[in-house]
């Protein structure tokens, strides 16, 4: 019976992670804001007849998309424009 063993001492150490950026903190408000329902748990003011509860959630979706896009653009690694 032969067993394969992994000798971690002879393996090269993995390179340090480079995806830890301060820009990632911009994702926190986009994830936490929808959980704070006491902020938008009301009916007034209405926007075009739509209760605040609904239109504010749609606003949060746009906010989260903007935050995600900003973090992506700020932290993306080399792309086609970086290759020359």
Protein backbone atom coordinates (compact mmCIF):
# COMPACT_ATOMS: atom_id res chain seq x y z
CA UNK A 1 0.00 0.00 0.00
CA UNK A 2 1.53 3.28 -1.15
CA UNK A 3 0.39 6.57 0.28
CA UNK A 4 1.22 9.96 -1.08
CA UNK A 5 2.52 12.37 1.47
CA UNK A 6 2.79 16.09 1.11
CA UNK A 7 6.04 17.50 2.42
CA UNK A 8 5.15 21.08 3.24
CA UNK A 9 8.69 21.88 4.36
CA UNK A 10 10.06 21.48 0.84
CA UNK A 11 7.26 23.43 -0.82
CA UNK A 12 7.81 27.08 -1.56
CA UNK A 13 5.90 29.43 0.70
CA UNK A 14 2.83 30.87 -0.91
CA UNK A 15 3.14 34.50 -1.92
CA UNK A 16 1.57 37.07 0.35
CA UNK A 17 -2.00 37.97 -0.48
CA UNK A 18 -2.26 41.28 -2.23
CA UNK A 19 -6.04 41.68 -2.22
CA UNK A 20 -6.17 43.46 1.14
CA UNK A 21 -6.89 47.02 0.21
CA UNK A 22 -8.34 49.88 2.23
CA UNK A 23 -10.82 50.26 -0.63
CA UNK A 24 -12.53 47.07 0.57
CA UNK A 25 -13.86 48.99 3.59
CA UNK A 26 -16.17 50.81 1.19
CA UNK A 27 -18.14 47.56 0.90
CA UNK A 28 -19.05 47.58 4.61
CA UNK A 29 -21.66 50.38 4.53
CA UNK A 30 -23.25 48.82 1.45
CA UNK A 31 -23.64 45.53 3.33
CA UNK A 32 -24.64 46.94 6.72
CA UNK A 33 -27.10 49.69 5.69
CA UNK A 34 -29.87 47.30 4.52
CA UNK A 35 -29.68 45.49 7.87
CA UNK A 36 -30.54 48.64 9.80
CA UNK A 37 -34.27 48.48 9.17
CA UNK A 38 -35.13 50.96 11.92
CA UNK A 39 -33.75 53.67 9.60
CA UNK A 40 -36.26 53.06 6.82
CA UNK A 41 -39.17 51.32 8.58
CA UNK A 42 -41.74 54.00 7.81
CA UNK A 43 -44.29 55.01 5.22
CA UNK A 44 -43.61 58.73 4.77
CA UNK A 45 -42.25 60.55 2.79
CA UNK A 46 -43.66 59.10 -0.41
CA UNK A 47 -41.95 59.49 -3.75
CA UNK A 48 -44.40 59.37 -6.68
CA UNK A 49 -46.83 57.52 -4.40
CA UNK A 50 -44.25 54.88 -3.41
CA UNK A 51 -43.72 54.48 0.36
CA UNK A 52 -40.34 55.41 1.78
CA UNK A 53 -39.66 51.79 2.77
CA UNK A 54 -39.62 50.68 -0.86
CA UNK A 55 -37.90 53.54 -2.62
CA UNK A 56 -35.19 53.75 0.02
CA UNK A 57 -34.37 50.06 -0.53
CA UNK A 58 -34.05 50.73 -4.25
CA UNK A 59 -31.75 53.61 -3.40
CA UNK A 60 -29.67 51.22 -1.27
CA UNK A 61 -29.34 48.85 -4.25
CA UNK A 62 -27.97 51.70 -6.37
CA UNK A 63 -25.64 52.70 -3.50
CA UNK A 64 -24.34 49.13 -3.15
CA UNK A 65 -23.77 48.89 -6.91
CA UNK A 66 -21.85 52.17 -6.89
CA UNK A 67 -19.71 51.04 -3.93
CA UNK A 68 -19.00 47.68 -5.53
CA UNK A 69 -18.06 49.31 -8.84
CA UNK A 70 -15.77 51.81 -7.12
CA UNK A 71 -13.97 49.07 -5.19
CA UNK A 72 -13.63 46.93 -8.31
CA UNK A 73 -12.19 49.77 -10.38
CA UNK A 74 -9.83 50.85 -7.61
CA UNK A 75 -8.50 47.39 -6.81
CA UNK A 76 -8.54 45.48 -10.09
CA UNK A 77 -5.33 43.94 -11.18
CA UNK A 78 -3.70 44.47 -14.55
CA UNK A 79 -6.02 44.28 -17.52
CA UNK A 80 -5.77 44.82 -21.25
CA UNK A 81 -4.81 48.48 -20.80
CA UNK A 82 -1.90 47.51 -18.52
CA UNK A 83 -0.41 45.11 -21.07
CA UNK A 84 1.88 46.85 -23.50
